[in-house]
PDB file of N, CA and C in Angstrom:
ATOM      1  N   UNK A   1      15.796   0.890  -6.710  1.00  0.00           N
ATOM      2  CA  UNK A   1      16.322   0.243  -7.661  1.00  0.00           C
ATOM      3  C   UNK A   1      15.448   0.164  -8.664  1.00  0.00           C
ATOM      4  N   UNK A   2      15.283   0.273  -9.946  1.00  0.00           N
ATOM      5  CA  UNK A   2      14.215   0.637 -11.232  1.00  0.00           C
ATOM      6  C   UNK A   2      14.155  -1.012 -11.214  1.00  0.00           C
ATOM      7  N   UNK A   3      13.135  -1.749 -11.727  1.00  0.00           N
ATOM      8  CA  UNK A   3      12.653  -2.951 -12.478  1.00  0.00           C
ATOM      9  C   UNK A   3      12.132  -2.425 -13.854  1.00  0.00           C
ATOM     10  N   UNK A   4      12.541  -2.981 -15.047  1.00  0.00           N
ATOM     11  CA  UNK A   4      12.423  -2.760 -16.437  1.00  0.00           C
ATOM     12  C   UNK A   4      12.392  -3.873 -16.393  1.00  0.00           C
ATOM     13  N   UNK A   5      11.422  -4.058 -17.854  1.00  0.00           N
ATOM     14  CA  UNK A   5      10.735  -4.795 -18.735  1.00  0.00           C
ATOM     15  C   UNK A   5      11.576  -5.764 -19.104  1.00  0.00           C
ATOM     16  N   UNK A   6      11.345  -6.724 -19.601  1.00  0.00           N
ATOM     17  CA  UNK A   6      12.790  -7.810 -20.710  1.00  0.00           C
ATOM     18  C   UNK A   6      12.443  -6.879 -22.161  1.00  0.00           C
ATOM     19  N   UNK A   7      13.914  -7.169 -22.651  1.00  0.00           N
ATOM     20  CA  UNK A   7      13.881  -5.885 -23.988  1.00  0.00           C
ATOM     21  C   UNK A   7      12.793  -4.854 -24.272  1.00  0.00           C
ATOM     22  N   UNK A   8      12.672  -3.969 -22.700  1.00  0.00           N
ATOM     23  CA  UNK A   8      12.266  -2.173 -22.813  1.00  0.00           C
ATOM     24  C   UNK A   8      12.769  -1.223 -23.963  1.00  0.00           C
ATOM     25  N   UNK A   9      14.210  -2.070 -24.364  1.00  0.00           N
ATOM     26  CA  UNK A   9      14.528  -1.042 -25.129  1.00  0.00           C
ATOM     27  C   UNK A   9      14.975  -1.437 -26.259  1.00  0.00           C
ATOM     28  N   UNK A  10      14.347  -2.490 -26.432  1.00  0.00           N
ATOM     29  CA  UNK A  10      15.058  -2.788 -27.731  1.00  0.00           C
ATOM     30  C   UNK A  10      12.938  -2.494 -28.742  1.00  0.00           C
ATOM     31  N   UNK A  11      12.027  -2.558 -27.901  1.00  0.00           N
ATOM     32  CA  UNK A  11      11.075  -2.066 -29.052  1.00  0.00           C
ATOM     33  C   UNK A  11      10.555  -0.665 -28.158  1.00  0.00           C
ATOM     34  N   UNK A  12       9.763  -0.414 -28.645  1.00  0.00           N
ATOM     35  CA  UNK A  12       9.403   0.753 -27.785  1.00  0.00           C
ATOM     36  C   UNK A  12       8.037   0.779 -26.961  1.00  0.00           C
ATOM     37  N   UNK A  13       7.226  -0.724 -28.219  1.00  0.00           N
ATOM     38  CA  UNK A  13       5.899  -0.126 -27.658  1.00  0.00           C
ATOM     39  C   UNK A  13       5.582  -0.871 -26.340  1.00  0.00           C
ATOM     40  N   UNK A  14       6.946  -1.675 -25.342  1.00  0.00           N
ATOM     41  CA  UNK A  14       6.995  -1.946 -24.711  1.00  0.00           C
ATOM     42  C   UNK A  14       6.627  -1.710 -23.257  1.00  0.00           C
ATOM     43  N   UNK A  15       7.337  -0.123 -23.336  1.00  0.00           N
ATOM     44  CA  UNK A  15       7.115   0.298 -21.837  1.00  0.00           C
ATOM     45  C   UNK A  15       8.583  -0.173 -21.265  1.00  0.00           C
ATOM     46  N   UNK A  16       8.634   0.920 -20.201  1.00  0.00           N
ATOM     47  CA  UNK A  16       9.581   0.211 -19.065  1.00  0.00           C
ATOM     48  C   UNK A  16       8.878  -0.035 -17.617  1.00  0.00           C
ATOM     49  N   UNK A  17       7.426  -0.148 -17.618  1.00  0.00           N
ATOM     50  CA  UNK A  17       6.802  -1.202 -16.661  1.00  0.00           C
ATOM     51  C   UNK A  17       6.998  -2.110 -16.413  1.00  0.00           C
ATOM     52  N   UNK A  18       7.161  -2.855 -15.154  1.00  0.00           N
ATOM     53  CA  UNK A  18       7.770  -4.626 -15.229  1.00  0.00           C
ATOM     54  C   UNK A  18       6.589  -5.677 -15.607  1.00  0.00           C
ATOM     55  N   UNK A  19       6.799  -6.196 -16.312  1.00  0.00           N
ATOM     56  CA  UNK A  19       6.096  -7.566 -16.608  1.00  0.00           C
ATOM     57  C   UNK A  19       7.137  -8.927 -16.016  1.00  0.00           C
ATOM     58  N   UNK A  20       6.675  -9.827 -15.285  1.00  0.00           N
ATOM     59  CA  UNK A  20       7.167 -10.810 -14.984  1.00  0.00           C
ATOM     60  C   UNK A  20       7.519 -11.817 -16.459  1.00  0.00           C
ATOM     61  N   UNK A  21       8.870 -12.562 -16.345  1.00  0.00           N
ATOM     62  CA  UNK A  21       9.169 -12.537 -17.458  1.00  0.00           C
ATOM     63  C   UNK A  21       8.833 -14.410 -17.821  1.00  0.00           C
ATOM     64  N   UNK A  22       8.040 -15.059 -18.993  1.00  0.00           N
ATOM     65  CA  UNK A  22       7.394 -16.230 -18.576  1.00  0.00           C
ATOM     66  C   UNK A  22       8.169 -17.012 -19.853  1.00  0.00           C
ATOM     67  N   UNK A  23       8.932 -16.377 -20.828  1.00  0.00           N
ATOM     68  CA  UNK A  23       9.567 -17.715 -21.550  1.00  0.00           C
ATOM     69  C   UNK A  23      10.544 -18.904 -20.979  1.00  0.00           C
ATOM     70  N   UNK A  24      10.499 -19.999 -21.742  1.00  0.00           N
ATOM     71  CA  UNK A  24      11.109 -21.052 -21.453  1.00  0.00           C
ATOM     72  C   UNK A  24      12.733 -21.014 -21.444  1.00  0.00           C
ATOM     73  N   UNK A  25      13.064 -20.069 -22.476  1.00  0.00           N
ATOM     74  CA  UNK A  25      14.715 -19.800 -22.401  1.00  0.00           C
ATOM     75  C   UNK A  25      14.803 -18.824 -21.769  1.00  0.00           C
ATOM     76  N   UNK A  26      14.339 -17.698 -21.126  1.00  0.00           N
ATOM     77  CA  UNK A  26      14.077 -16.402 -20.635  1.00  0.00           C
ATOM     78  C   UNK A  26      15.353 -15.880 -19.593  1.00  0.00           C
ATOM     79  N   UNK A  27      16.780 -15.494 -20.422  1.00  0.00           N
ATOM     80  CA  UNK A  27      17.996 -15.141 -19.037  1.00  0.00           C
ATOM     81  C   UNK A  27      17.049 -14.490 -17.901  1.00  0.00           C
ATOM     82  N   UNK A  28      16.390 -13.864 -17.734  1.00  0.00           N
ATOM     83  CA  UNK A  28      15.904 -13.327 -16.973  1.00  0.00           C
ATOM     84  C   UNK A  28      14.803 -13.957 -15.459  1.00  0.00           C
ATOM     85  N   UNK A  29      14.494 -14.673 -16.472  1.00  0.00           N
ATOM     86  CA  UNK A  29      13.545 -16.059 -15.853  1.00  0.00           C
ATOM     87  C   UNK A  29      14.172 -16.317 -14.912  1.00  0.00           C
ATOM     88  N   UNK A  30      15.769 -16.751 -15.048  1.00  0.00           N
ATOM     89  CA  UNK A  30      16.702 -17.999 -14.595  1.00  0.00           C
ATOM     90  C   UNK A  30      17.323 -17.482 -14.178  1.00  0.00           C
ATOM     91  N   UNK A  31      17.684 -16.186 -13.832  1.00  0.00           N
ATOM     92  CA  UNK A  31      18.928 -14.897 -12.968  1.00  0.00           C
ATOM     93  C   UNK A  31      19.938 -15.204 -13.890  1.00  0.00           C
ATOM     94  N   UNK A  32      19.539 -15.250 -14.887  1.00  0.00           N
ATOM     95  CA  UNK A  32      21.691 -15.321 -15.117  1.00  0.00           C
ATOM     96  C   UNK A  32      22.196 -14.013 -14.971  1.00  0.00           C
ATOM     97  N   UNK A  33      23.243 -13.780 -14.679  1.00  0.00           N
ATOM     98  CA  UNK A  33      24.275 -12.502 -14.799  1.00  0.00           C
ATOM     99  C   UNK A  33      24.541 -12.141 -15.821  1.00  0.00           C
ATOM    100  N   UNK A  34      24.567 -10.380 -15.255  1.00  0.00           N
ATOM    101  CA  UNK A  34      24.668  -9.690 -16.759  1.00  0.00           C
ATOM    102  C   UNK A  34      23.042  -9.282 -16.975  1.00  0.00           C
ATOM    103  N   UNK A  35      22.417  -9.976 -16.549  1.00  0.00           N
ATOM    104  CA  UNK A  35      20.463  -9.228 -17.322  1.00  0.00           C
ATOM    105  C   UNK A  35      20.151  -8.339 -16.591  1.00  0.00           C
ATOM    106  N   UNK A  36      19.111  -8.104 -17.140  1.00  0.00           N
ATOM    107  CA  UNK A  36      18.287  -6.903 -15.819  1.00  0.00           C
ATOM    108  C   UNK A  36      17.979  -8.256 -14.402  1.00  0.00           C
ATOM    109  N   UNK A  37      17.734  -7.063 -13.501  1.00  0.00           N
ATOM    110  CA  UNK A  37      17.475  -7.106 -12.386  1.00  0.00           C
ATOM    111  C   UNK A  37      16.105  -7.412 -12.382  1.00  0.00           C
ATOM    112  N   UNK A  38      16.093  -8.630 -11.287  1.00  0.00           N
ATOM    113  CA  UNK A  38      14.675  -8.811 -10.869  1.00  0.00           C
ATOM    114  C   UNK A  38      13.682  -8.895  -9.538  1.00  0.00           C
ATOM    115  N   UNK A  39      12.536  -8.172  -9.138  1.00  0.00           N
ATOM    116  CA  UNK A  39      12.502  -8.077  -8.374  1.00  0.00           C
ATOM    117  C   UNK A  39      12.145  -9.492  -7.165  1.00  0.00           C
ATOM    118  N   UNK A  40      12.805  -9.302  -6.029  1.00  0.00           N
ATOM    119  CA  UNK A  40      13.567 -10.482  -5.024  1.00  0.00           C
ATOM    120  C   UNK A  40      12.156 -10.031  -3.973  1.00  0.00           C
ATOM    121  N   UNK A  41      11.809 -11.332  -3.310  1.00  0.00           N
ATOM    122  CA  UNK A  41      11.168 -10.402  -1.542  1.00  0.00           C
ATOM    123  C   UNK A  41      12.278  -9.286  -0.873  1.00  0.00           C
ATOM    124  N   UNK A  42      13.610  -9.734  -0.743  1.00  0.00           N
ATOM    125  CA  UNK A  42      14.312  -8.950   0.280  1.00  0.00           C
ATOM    126  C   UNK A  42      13.921  -7.130  -0.304  1.00  0.00           C
ATOM    127  N   UNK A  43      14.266  -6.973  -1.347  1.00  0.00           N
ATOM    128  CA  UNK A  43      13.787  -5.392  -2.062  1.00  0.00           C
ATOM    129  C   UNK A  43      12.678  -4.617  -1.084  1.00  0.00           C
ATOM    130  N   UNK A  44      11.399  -5.274  -0.764  1.00  0.00           N
ATOM    131  CA  UNK A  44      10.444  -4.325  -0.501  1.00  0.00           C
ATOM    132  C   UNK A  44      10.675  -4.173   0.910  1.00  0.00           C
ATOM    133  N   UNK A  45      11.488  -4.399   1.867  1.00  0.00           N
ATOM    134  CA  UNK A  45      12.132  -4.182   3.545  1.00  0.00           C
ATOM    135  C   UNK A  45      12.182  -2.667   3.842  1.00  0.00           C
ATOM    136  N   UNK A  46      12.769  -2.554   2.225  1.00  0.00           N
ATOM    137  CA  UNK A  46      13.436  -0.852   2.976  1.00  0.00           C
ATOM    138  C   UNK A  46      12.281  -0.144   3.141  1.00  0.00           C
ATOM    139  N   UNK A  47      11.576  -0.247   2.536  1.00  0.00           N
ATOM    140  CA  UNK A  47       9.846   1.077   1.900  1.00  0.00           C
ATOM    141  C   UNK A  47       8.664   0.633   2.359  1.00  0.00           C
ATOM    142  N   UNK A  48       8.620  -1.189   3.253  1.00  0.00           N
ATOM    143  CA  UNK A  48       7.547  -1.022   3.754  1.00  0.00           C
ATOM    144  C   UNK A  48       7.441  -0.018   4.664  1.00  0.00           C
ATOM    145  N   UNK A  49       5.886  -0.037   4.998  1.00  0.00           N
ATOM    146  CA  UNK A  49       5.292   1.603   5.677  1.00  0.00           C
ATOM    147  C   UNK A  49       5.868   2.780   5.865  1.00  0.00           C
ATOM    148  N   UNK A  50       6.554   3.416   4.401  1.00  0.00           N
ATOM    149  CA  UNK A  50       7.172   4.658   4.391  1.00  0.00           C
ATOM    150  C   UNK A  50       5.927   5.493   3.683  1.00  0.00           C
ATOM    151  N   UNK A  51       5.671   6.528   3.920  1.00  0.00           N
ATOM    152  CA  UNK A  51       4.397   7.740   3.239  1.00  0.00           C
ATOM    153  C   UNK A  51       5.353   8.021   1.787  1.00  0.00           C
ATOM    154  N   UNK A  52       4.812   8.113   0.418  1.00  0.00           N
ATOM    155  CA  UNK A  52       5.690   8.050  -0.731  1.00  0.00           C
ATOM    156  C   UNK A  52       6.529   9.195  -0.268  1.00  0.00           C
ATOM    157  N   UNK A  53       6.571  10.600   0.354  1.00  0.00           N
ATOM    158  CA  UNK A  53       7.140  11.411   0.931  1.00  0.00           C
ATOM    159  C   UNK A  53       9.053  10.313   1.623  1.00  0.00           C
ATOM    160  N   UNK A  54       8.615   9.659   1.887  1.00  0.00           N
ATOM    161  CA  UNK A  54      10.048   8.826   2.519  1.00  0.00           C
ATOM    162  C   UNK A  54      10.303   8.817   3.918  1.00  0.00           C
ATOM    163  N   UNK A  55       8.850   9.434   4.427  1.00  0.00           N
ATOM    164  CA  UNK A  55       9.068   9.471   6.129  1.00  0.00           C
ATOM    165  C   UNK A  55       7.997   8.717   6.622  1.00  0.00           C
ATOM    166  N   UNK A  56       8.770   8.191   7.734  1.00  0.00           N
ATOM    167  CA  UNK A  56       7.603   6.908   8.173  1.00  0.00           C
ATOM    168  C   UNK A  56       6.344   7.916   9.225  1.00  0.00           C
ATOM    169  N   UNK A  57       5.295   7.761   8.766  1.00  0.00           N
ATOM    170  CA  UNK A  57       3.819   8.122   9.285  1.00  0.00           C
ATOM    171  C   UNK A  57       4.013   7.811  11.009  1.00  0.00           C
ATOM    172  N   UNK A  58       3.670   8.924  11.834  1.00  0.00           N
ATOM    173  CA  UNK A  58       3.044   8.997  13.332  1.00  0.00           C
ATOM    174  C   UNK A  58       1.966   9.175  13.307  1.00  0.00           C
ATOM    175  N   UNK A  59       0.876   8.942  13.885  1.00  0.00           N
ATOM    176  CA  UNK A  59      -0.321   8.726  13.964  1.00  0.00           C
ATOM    177  C   UNK A  59      -0.137   9.843  15.276  1.00  0.00           C
ATOM    178  N   UNK A  60      -0.684  11.263  15.548  1.00  0.00           N
ATOM    179  CA  UNK A  60      -0.467  11.940  16.776  1.00  0.00           C
ATOM    180  C   UNK A  60      -2.359  12.352  16.962  1.00  0.00           C
ATOM    181  N   UNK A  61      -2.530  11.891  18.211  1.00  0.00           N
ATOM    182  CA  UNK A  61      -3.709  12.826  19.232  1.00  0.00           C
ATOM    183  C   UNK A  61      -3.639  13.949  19.230  1.00  0.00           C
ATOM    184  N   UNK A  62      -2.076  13.990  19.933  1.00  0.00           N
ATOM    185  CA  UNK A  62      -2.154  15.610  21.310  1.00  0.00           C
ATOM    186  C   UNK A  62      -1.283  16.142  21.381  1.00  0.00           C
ATOM    187  N   UNK A  63      -0.649  16.804  22.102  1.00  0.00           N
ATOM    188  CA  UNK A  63       0.558  17.725  22.046  1.00  0.00           C
ATOM    189  C   UNK A  63       1.771  16.450  22.296  1.00  0.00           C
ATOM    190  N   UNK A  64       1.425  16.202  23.197  1.00  0.00           N
ATOM    191  CA  UNK A  64       2.577  15.562  24.203  1.00  0.00           C
ATOM    192  C   UNK A  64       2.794  14.412  23.588  1.00  0.00           C
ATOM    193  N   UNK A  65       2.235  13.881  21.933  1.00  0.00           N
ATOM    194  CA  UNK A  65       2.696  12.580  21.372  1.00  0.00           C
ATOM    195  C   UNK A  65       3.860  13.128  20.723  1.00  0.00           C
ATOM    196  N   UNK A  66       3.781  14.659  20.469  1.00  0.00           N
ATOM    197  CA  UNK A  66       4.948  15.249  19.687  1.00  0.00           C
ATOM    198  C   UNK A  66       6.211  14.976  19.668  1.00  0.00           C
ATOM    199  N   UNK A  67       6.549  14.384  21.633  1.00  0.00           N
ATOM    200  CA  UNK A  67       7.688  14.673  22.293  1.00  0.00           C
ATOM    201  C   UNK A  67       8.300  12.926  21.790  1.00  0.00           C
ATOM    202  N   UNK A  68       9.631  13.821  21.563  1.00  0.00           N
ATOM    203  CA  UNK A  68      10.520  11.999  21.126  1.00  0.00           C
ATOM    204  C   UNK A  68      10.644  11.704  20.073  1.00  0.00           C
ATOM    205  N   UNK A  69      10.249  13.050  18.960  1.00  0.00           N
ATOM    206  CA  UNK A  69      10.130  12.190  17.590  1.00  0.00           C
ATOM    207  C   UNK A  69      11.178  12.549  16.514  1.00  0.00           C
ATOM    208  N   UNK A  70      12.168  11.844  15.125  1.00  0.00           N
ATOM    209  CA  UNK A  70      12.670  12.568  14.588  1.00  0.00           C
ATOM    210  C   UNK A  70      12.119  13.311  13.614  1.00  0.00           C
ATOM    211  N   UNK A  71      12.677  14.679  13.738  1.00  0.00           N
ATOM    212  CA  UNK A  71      12.456  15.378  12.011  1.00  0.00           C
ATOM    213  C   UNK A  71      12.294  14.500  11.200  1.00  0.00           C
ATOM    214  N   UNK A  72      14.032  14.252  11.252  1.00  0.00           N
ATOM    215  CA  UNK A  72      14.444  13.537   9.569  1.00  0.00           C
ATOM    216  C   UNK A  72      13.800  12.325   8.972  1.00  0.00           C
ATOM    217  N   UNK A  73      13.305  11.455   9.566  1.00  0.00           N
ATOM    218  CA  UNK A  73      12.652  10.392   9.725  1.00  0.00           C
ATOM    219  C   UNK A  73      10.976   9.813   9.448  1.00  0.00           C
ATOM    220  N   UNK A  74      10.586  10.572  10.256  1.00  0.00           N
ATOM    221  CA  UNK A  74       9.057  10.855  10.874  1.00  0.00           C
ATOM    222  C   UNK A  74       8.201  11.832  10.565  1.00  0.00           C
ATOM    223  N   UNK A  75       7.029  11.958   9.947  1.00  0.00           N
ATOM    224  CA  UNK A  75       6.247  12.896  10.114  1.00  0.00           C
ATOM    225  C   UNK A  75       5.066  12.556  10.629  1.00  0.00           C
ATOM    226  N   UNK A  76       4.019  13.481  10.773  1.00  0.00           N
ATOM    227  CA  UNK A  76       3.060  13.403  11.580  1.00  0.00           C
ATOM    228  C   UNK A  76       2.014  13.340  10.824  1.00  0.00           C
ATOM    229  N   UNK A  77       1.242  12.624  11.330  1.00  0.00           N
ATOM    230  CA  UNK A  77      -0.382  12.434  11.146  1.00  0.00           C
ATOM    231  C   UNK A  77      -1.073  12.835  11.852  1.00  0.00           C
ATOM    232  N   UNK A  78      -2.018  13.725  11.932  1.00  0.00           N
ATOM    233  CA  UNK A  78      -2.764  14.278  12.948  1.00  0.00           C
ATOM    234  C   UNK A  78      -4.697  13.400  12.516  1.00  0.00           C
ATOM    235  N   UNK A  79      -4.600  12.935  13.972  1.00  0.00           N
ATOM    236  CA  UNK A  79      -5.767  11.650  13.942  1.00  0.00           C
ATOM    237  C   UNK A  79      -6.894  12.965  13.406  1.00  0.00           C
ATOM    238  N   UNK A  80      -7.781  11.775  12.449  1.00  0.00           N
ATOM    239  CA  UNK A  80      -8.921  12.577  12.256  1.00  0.00           C
ATOM    240  C   UNK A  80     -10.778  13.079  13.144  1.00  0.00           C
ATOM    241  N   UNK A  81     -10.169  12.740  14.580  1.00  0.00           N
ATOM    242  CA  UNK A  81     -10.793  12.106  15.648  1.00  0.00           C
ATOM    243  C   UNK A  81     -10.415  14.113  16.671  1.00  0.00           C
ATOM    244  N   UNK A  82      -9.345  14.111  16.032  1.00  0.00           N
ATOM    245  CA  UNK A  82      -8.430  15.928  16.774  1.00  0.00           C
ATOM    246  C   UNK A  82      -9.895  16.468  16.502  1.00  0.00           C
ATOM    247  N   UNK A  83     -10.299  17.714  17.069  1.00  0.00           N
ATOM    248  CA  UNK A  83     -10.857  18.587  16.700  1.00  0.00           C
ATOM    249  C   UNK A  83     -10.266  20.093  15.894  1.00  0.00           C
ATOM    250  N   UNK A  84     -10.840  20.888  16.160  1.00  0.00           N
ATOM    251  CA  UNK A  84     -10.190  22.173  15.219  1.00  0.00           C
ATOM    252  C   UNK A  84      -9.244  22.928  16.181  1.00  0.00           C
ATOM    253  N   UNK A  85      -9.727  22.835  17.719  1.00  0.00           N
ATOM    254  CA  UNK A  85      -9.160  24.018  19.000  1.00  0.00           C
ATOM    255  C   UNK A  85      -7.492  22.856  19.124  1.00  0.00           C
ATOM    256  N   UNK A  86      -7.766  22.103  19.447  1.00  0.00           N
ATOM    257  CA  UNK A  86      -6.162  20.669  19.381  1.00  0.00           C
ATOM    258  C   UNK A  86      -5.671  20.960  18.218  1.00  0.00           C
ATOM    259  N   UNK A  87      -5.878  20.858  17.270  1.00  0.00           N
ATOM    260  CA  UNK A  87      -5.605  20.405  15.746  1.00  0.00           C
ATOM    261  C   UNK A  87      -4.921  22.009  15.661  1.00  0.00           C
ATOM    262  N   UNK A  88      -4.806  23.294  16.480  1.00  0.00           N
ATOM    263  CA  UNK A  88      -4.408  24.642  16.043  1.00  0.00           C
ATOM    264  C   UNK A  88      -2.773  24.375  17.099  1.00  0.00           C
ATOM    265  N   UNK A  89      -3.767  23.741  18.446  1.00  0.00           N
ATOM    266  CA  UNK A  89      -2.108  23.500  19.470  1.00  0.00           C
ATOM    267  C   UNK A  89      -0.981  22.751  18.279  1.00  0.00           C
ATOM    268  N   UNK A  90      -1.485  21.538  17.854  1.00  0.00           N
ATOM    269  CA  UNK A  90      -0.510  20.311  17.445  1.00  0.00           C
ATOM    270  C   UNK A  90       0.124  20.722  16.267  1.00  0.00           C
ATOM    271  N   UNK A  91      -1.022  21.990  15.402  1.00  0.00           N
ATOM    272  CA  UNK A  91       0.118  22.341  14.604  1.00  0.00           C
ATOM    273  C   UNK A  91       1.161  23.800  15.124  1.00  0.00           C
ATOM    274  N   UNK A  92       0.728  24.416  15.803  1.00  0.00           N
ATOM    275  CA  UNK A  92       2.142  24.959  16.727  1.00  0.00           C
ATOM    276  C   UNK A  92       3.059  24.597  17.231  1.00  0.00           C
ATOM    277  N   UNK A  93       2.788  23.130  17.778  1.00  0.00           N
ATOM    278  CA  UNK A  93       3.785  22.716  18.506  1.00  0.00           C
ATOM    279  C   UNK A  93       4.617  22.249  16.811  1.00  0.00           C
ATOM    280  N   UNK A  94       4.368  21.794  15.906  1.00  0.00           N
ATOM    281  CA  UNK A  94       5.281  20.781  14.885  1.00  0.00           C
ATOM    282  C   UNK A  94       5.797  22.115  14.495  1.00  0.00           C
ATOM    283  N   UNK A  95       5.085  23.349  14.472  1.00  0.00           N
ATOM    284  CA  UNK A  95       5.728  24.540  13.629  1.00  0.00           C
ATOM    285  C   UNK A  95       7.591  24.362  14.638  1.00  0.00           C
ATOM    286  N   UNK A  96       7.467  24.581  15.835  1.00  0.00           N
ATOM    287  CA  UNK A  96       8.163  24.859  17.241  1.00  0.00           C
ATOM    288  C   UNK A  96       9.216  23.331  16.842  1.00  0.00           C
ATOM    289  N   UNK A  97       9.448  22.542  16.645  1.00  0.00           N
ATOM    290  CA  UNK A  97       9.904  21.332  16.521  1.00  0.00           C
ATOM    291  C   UNK A  97      10.128  20.777  14.959  1.00  0.00           C
ATOM    292  N   UNK A  98       9.397  21.997  14.042  1.00  0.00           N
ATOM    293  CA  UNK A  98       9.971  21.484  12.325  1.00  0.00           C
ATOM    294  C   UNK A  98       9.774  20.018  11.655  1.00  0.00           C
ATOM    295  N   UNK A  99       8.513  19.872  12.731  1.00  0.00           N
ATOM    296  CA  UNK A  99       8.425  18.198  12.207  1.00  0.00           C
ATOM    297  C   UNK A  99       7.249  18.881  10.851  1.00  0.00           C
ATOM    298  N   UNK A 100       7.028  17.382  10.195  1.00  0.00           N
ATOM    299  CA  UNK A 100       6.552  17.968   8.842  1.00  0.00           C
ATOM    300  C   UNK A 100       5.415  17.337   9.261  1.00  0.00           C
ATOM    301  N   UNK A 101       3.809  17.261   8.751  1.00  0.00           N
ATOM    302  CA  UNK A 101       2.639  17.320   9.035  1.00  0.00           C
ATOM    303  C   UNK A 101       2.367  16.986   7.618  1.00  0.00           C
ATOM    304  N   UNK A 102       1.259  15.583   7.660  1.00  0.00           N
ATOM    305  CA  UNK A 102       0.762  15.436   6.302  1.00  0.00           C
ATOM    306  C   UNK A 102      -0.406  15.862   5.798  1.00  0.00           C
ATOM    307  N   UNK A 103      -0.939  15.762   7.176  1.00  0.00           N
ATOM    308  CA  UNK A 103      -2.404  16.257   6.617  1.00  0.00           C
ATOM    309  C   UNK A 103      -2.993  18.258   7.501  1.00  0.00           C
ATOM    310  N   UNK A 104      -2.109  19.048   7.188  1.00  0.00           N
ATOM    311  CA  UNK A 104      -2.275  19.657   8.044  1.00  0.00           C
ATOM    312  C   UNK A 104      -3.786  20.410   8.228  1.00  0.00           C
ATOM    313  N   UNK A 105      -4.594  20.267   7.323  1.00  0.00           N
ATOM    314  CA  UNK A 105      -6.264  20.611   7.556  1.00  0.00           C
ATOM    315  C   UNK A 105      -6.266  21.613   6.533  1.00  0.00           C
ATOM    316  N   UNK A 106      -7.757  22.384   7.332  1.00  0.00           N
ATOM    317  CA  UNK A 106      -8.036  23.680   6.437  1.00  0.00           C
ATOM    318  C   UNK A 106      -7.065  25.050   6.930  1.00  0.00           C
ATOM    319  N   UNK A 107      -7.160  25.948   6.082  1.00  0.00           N
ATOM    320  CA  UNK A 107      -6.430  27.341   6.146  1.00  0.00           C
ATOM    321  C   UNK A 107      -7.224  27.898   8.359  1.00  0.00           C
ATOM    322  N   UNK A 108      -8.482  27.751   7.920  1.00  0.00           N
ATOM    323  CA  UNK A 108      -8.933  28.332   8.786  1.00  0.00           C
ATOM    324  C   UNK A 108      -8.372  27.839  10.171  1.00  0.00           C
ATOM    325  N   UNK A 109      -7.555  25.993  10.745  1.00  0.00           N
ATOM    326  CA  UNK A 109      -7.128  26.203  11.940  1.00  0.00           C
ATOM    327  C   UNK A 109      -5.749  26.420  11.668  1.00  0.00           C
ATOM    328  N   UNK A 110      -4.977  26.729  10.731  1.00  0.00           N
ATOM    329  CA  UNK A 110      -3.827  27.533  10.712  1.00  0.00           C
ATOM    330  C   UNK A 110      -3.253  28.639  10.785  1.00  0.00           C
ATOM    331  N   UNK A 111      -4.917  29.435  10.671  1.00  0.00           N
ATOM    332  CA  UNK A 111      -4.624  30.164  10.981  1.00  0.00           C
ATOM    333  C   UNK A 111      -4.920  31.317  12.481  1.00  0.00           C
ATOM    334  N   UNK A 112      -5.660  30.078  12.974  1.00  0.00           N
ATOM    335  CA  UNK A 112      -6.024  30.208  13.899  1.00  0.00           C
ATOM    336  C   UNK A 112      -7.560  30.730  14.052  1.00  0.00           C
ATOM    337  N   UNK A 113      -8.158  31.222  13.240  1.00  0.00           N
ATOM    338  CA  UNK A 113      -9.853  31.790  13.222  1.00  0.00           C
ATOM    339  C   UNK A 113     -10.984  30.315  13.921  1.00  0.00           C
ATOM    340  N   UNK A 114     -10.238  29.884  14.187  1.00  0.00           N
ATOM    341  CA  UNK A 114     -11.353  28.361  15.308  1.00  0.00           C
ATOM    342  C   UNK A 114     -11.689  28.898  16.510  1.00  0.00           C
ATOM    343  N   UNK A 115     -12.982  28.577  16.606  1.00  0.00           N
ATOM    344  CA  UNK A 115     -13.449  29.027  18.455  1.00  0.00           C
ATOM    345  C   UNK A 115     -13.367  28.532  19.001  1.00  0.00           C
TER     346      UNK A 115
END
């Protein structure tokens, strides 16, 4: 849901970015029906913890952790402590399982040029 500033349609200088309504008689601040939606605590629950791509991140440091991952909702983030050789094995396995990798790394690791 997109939350817009009060009277954004009336004055172009206001823009569409959300600002908290602060007037004494402001209808949006009072939650009067038929007015603009206002963010509440419950709106954040659905998207908390998600990557901007919409996937839930799963930190992986070896190939065995790729089992039981859902390719529709989860994406793989390879740990920074993983070396080039193991990163290459993880990349090959993710291609087989058709998983999305959020940090694929250098092109050398993908091409298999790592010693």
